[in-house]
Amino acid sequence: MQVDPDIWLATYNTGRPHQSRGMNGRTPLQAFLEGLPPSATEAPPEDEIAA
């Protein structure tokens, strides 16, 4: 029962252009990721992964 909403949500966020002005064809996920600070998208150092 949850499969259909999950498919719709993934398509909504990754497969269609954002509907706001100035998004230049980016998807909502692209706009979100570009708005994050650089440290939030970097992989943690190896010593933090093992902790």
N, C-alpha and C. Protein backbone atom coordinates (compact mmCIF):
# COMPACT_ATOMS: atom_id res chain seq x y z
N MET A 1 0.81 -1.19 0.00
CA MET A 1 0.00 0.00 0.00
C MET A 1 0.86 1.26 0.00
N GLN A 2 2.03 1.22 0.59
CA GLN A 2 2.91 2.38 0.65
C GLN A 2 3.73 2.55 -0.63
N VAL A 3 3.77 1.54 -1.48
CA VAL A 3 4.61 1.59 -2.67
C VAL A 3 4.20 2.73 -3.60
N ASP A 4 2.91 2.86 -3.88
CA ASP A 4 2.46 3.91 -4.80
C ASP A 4 2.79 5.32 -4.31
N PRO A 5 2.53 5.66 -3.03
CA PRO A 5 2.93 6.99 -2.56
C PRO A 5 4.45 7.21 -2.63
N ASP A 6 5.22 6.17 -2.36
CA ASP A 6 6.68 6.31 -2.43
C ASP A 6 7.14 6.60 -3.85
N ILE A 7 6.55 5.92 -4.83
CA ILE A 7 6.89 6.15 -6.23
C ILE A 7 6.50 7.57 -6.63
N TRP A 8 5.31 7.99 -6.23
CA TRP A 8 4.85 9.34 -6.57
C TRP A 8 5.77 10.40 -5.96
N LEU A 9 6.15 10.22 -4.71
CA LEU A 9 7.01 11.20 -4.03
C LEU A 9 8.38 11.28 -4.69
N ALA A 10 8.94 10.15 -5.05
CA ALA A 10 10.24 10.15 -5.73
C ALA A 10 10.14 10.87 -7.07
N THR A 11 9.09 10.61 -7.82
CA THR A 11 8.90 11.27 -9.12
C THR A 11 8.67 12.77 -8.92
N TYR A 12 7.88 13.13 -7.93
CA TYR A 12 7.57 14.53 -7.65
C TYR A 12 8.83 15.33 -7.33
N ASN A 13 9.74 14.74 -6.58
CA ASN A 13 10.94 15.46 -6.14
C ASN A 13 12.12 15.35 -7.09
N THR A 14 12.14 14.33 -7.95
CA THR A 14 13.33 14.14 -8.79
C THR A 14 13.05 14.15 -10.29
N GLY A 15 11.81 14.03 -10.71
CA GLY A 15 11.53 13.88 -12.12
C GLY A 15 10.78 15.00 -12.78
N ARG A 16 10.47 16.05 -12.07
CA ARG A 16 9.74 17.16 -12.66
C ARG A 16 10.42 18.46 -12.27
N PRO A 17 10.31 19.50 -13.09
CA PRO A 17 10.92 20.77 -12.72
C PRO A 17 10.20 21.44 -11.56
N HIS A 18 10.95 22.15 -10.76
CA HIS A 18 10.39 22.93 -9.64
C HIS A 18 9.46 23.98 -10.23
N GLN A 19 8.35 24.27 -9.59
CA GLN A 19 7.36 25.19 -10.14
C GLN A 19 7.54 26.63 -9.70
N SER A 20 8.53 26.92 -8.89
CA SER A 20 8.77 28.27 -8.43
C SER A 20 9.55 29.06 -9.48
N ARG A 21 9.46 30.35 -9.43
CA ARG A 21 10.20 31.20 -10.37
C ARG A 21 11.70 31.10 -10.13
N GLY A 22 12.47 31.20 -11.20
CA GLY A 22 13.91 31.24 -11.08
C GLY A 22 14.58 29.91 -10.80
N MET A 23 13.88 28.83 -10.93
CA MET A 23 14.48 27.52 -10.65
C MET A 23 15.19 26.96 -11.88
N ASN A 24 14.96 27.53 -13.04
CA ASN A 24 15.67 27.18 -14.28
C ASN A 24 15.67 25.68 -14.58
N GLY A 25 14.52 25.05 -14.38
CA GLY A 25 14.39 23.64 -14.72
C GLY A 25 14.92 22.65 -13.70
N ARG A 26 15.43 23.16 -12.56
CA ARG A 26 15.93 22.25 -11.54
C ARG A 26 14.75 21.52 -10.88
N THR A 27 15.02 20.32 -10.39
CA THR A 27 14.00 19.58 -9.65
C THR A 27 14.00 20.08 -8.21
N PRO A 28 12.94 19.78 -7.45
CA PRO A 28 12.94 20.17 -6.04
C PRO A 28 14.14 19.61 -5.27
N LEU A 29 14.55 18.38 -5.58
CA LEU A 29 15.70 17.80 -4.90
C LEU A 29 16.97 18.57 -5.22
N GLN A 30 17.16 18.96 -6.49
CA GLN A 30 18.35 19.73 -6.85
C GLN A 30 18.36 21.07 -6.12
N ALA A 31 17.21 21.75 -6.07
CA ALA A 31 17.13 23.04 -5.38
C ALA A 31 17.44 22.87 -3.90
N PHE A 32 16.93 21.81 -3.30
CA PHE A 32 17.20 21.55 -1.88
C PHE A 32 18.68 21.31 -1.63
N LEU A 33 19.28 20.43 -2.42
CA LEU A 33 20.69 20.09 -2.21
C LEU A 33 21.60 21.29 -2.45
N GLU A 34 21.27 22.12 -3.42
CA GLU A 34 22.09 23.31 -3.68
C GLU A 34 21.96 24.34 -2.56
N GLY A 35 20.89 24.27 -1.77
CA GLY A 35 20.70 25.20 -0.67
C GLY A 35 21.38 24.78 0.62
N LEU A 36 21.88 23.55 0.67
CA LEU A 36 22.57 23.07 1.87
C LEU A 36 23.98 23.65 1.95
N PRO A 37 24.49 23.87 3.15
CA PRO A 37 25.88 24.31 3.27
C PRO A 37 26.81 23.20 2.78
N PRO A 38 27.98 23.55 2.25
CA PRO A 38 28.90 22.54 1.71
C PRO A 38 29.23 21.43 2.70
N SER A 39 29.33 21.72 3.97
CA SER A 39 29.69 20.69 4.95
C SER A 39 28.61 19.62 5.08
N ALA A 40 27.37 19.94 4.75
CA ALA A 40 26.27 18.98 4.89
C ALA A 40 26.28 17.93 3.78
N THR A 41 26.92 18.23 2.66
CA THR A 41 26.93 17.29 1.55
C THR A 41 28.25 16.53 1.42
N GLU A 42 29.22 16.85 2.26
CA GLU A 42 30.51 16.16 2.21
C GLU A 42 30.44 14.87 3.02
N ALA A 43 31.20 13.88 2.62
CA ALA A 43 31.26 12.63 3.37
C ALA A 43 32.06 12.86 4.65
N PRO A 44 31.68 12.23 5.76
CA PRO A 44 32.44 12.40 7.00
C PRO A 44 33.81 11.73 6.88
N PRO A 45 34.79 12.23 7.64
CA PRO A 45 36.11 11.58 7.62
C PRO A 45 36.00 10.13 8.08
N GLU A 46 36.93 9.32 7.66
CA GLU A 46 36.92 7.88 7.97
C GLU A 46 36.86 7.61 9.46
N ASP A 47 37.56 8.41 10.28
CA ASP A 47 37.58 8.16 11.72
C ASP A 47 36.22 8.43 12.37
N GLU A 48 35.38 9.29 11.78
CA GLU A 48 34.05 9.53 12.31
C GLU A 48 33.09 8.41 11.95
N ILE A 49 33.32 7.73 10.84
CA ILE A 49 32.45 6.64 10.41
C ILE A 49 32.57 5.46 11.36
N ALA A 50 33.77 5.17 11.82
CA ALA A 50 34.01 4.01 12.68
C ALA A 50 33.53 4.25 14.12
N ALA A 51 33.37 5.48 14.52
CA ALA A 51 33.01 5.80 15.91
C ALA A 51 31.62 5.41 16.27
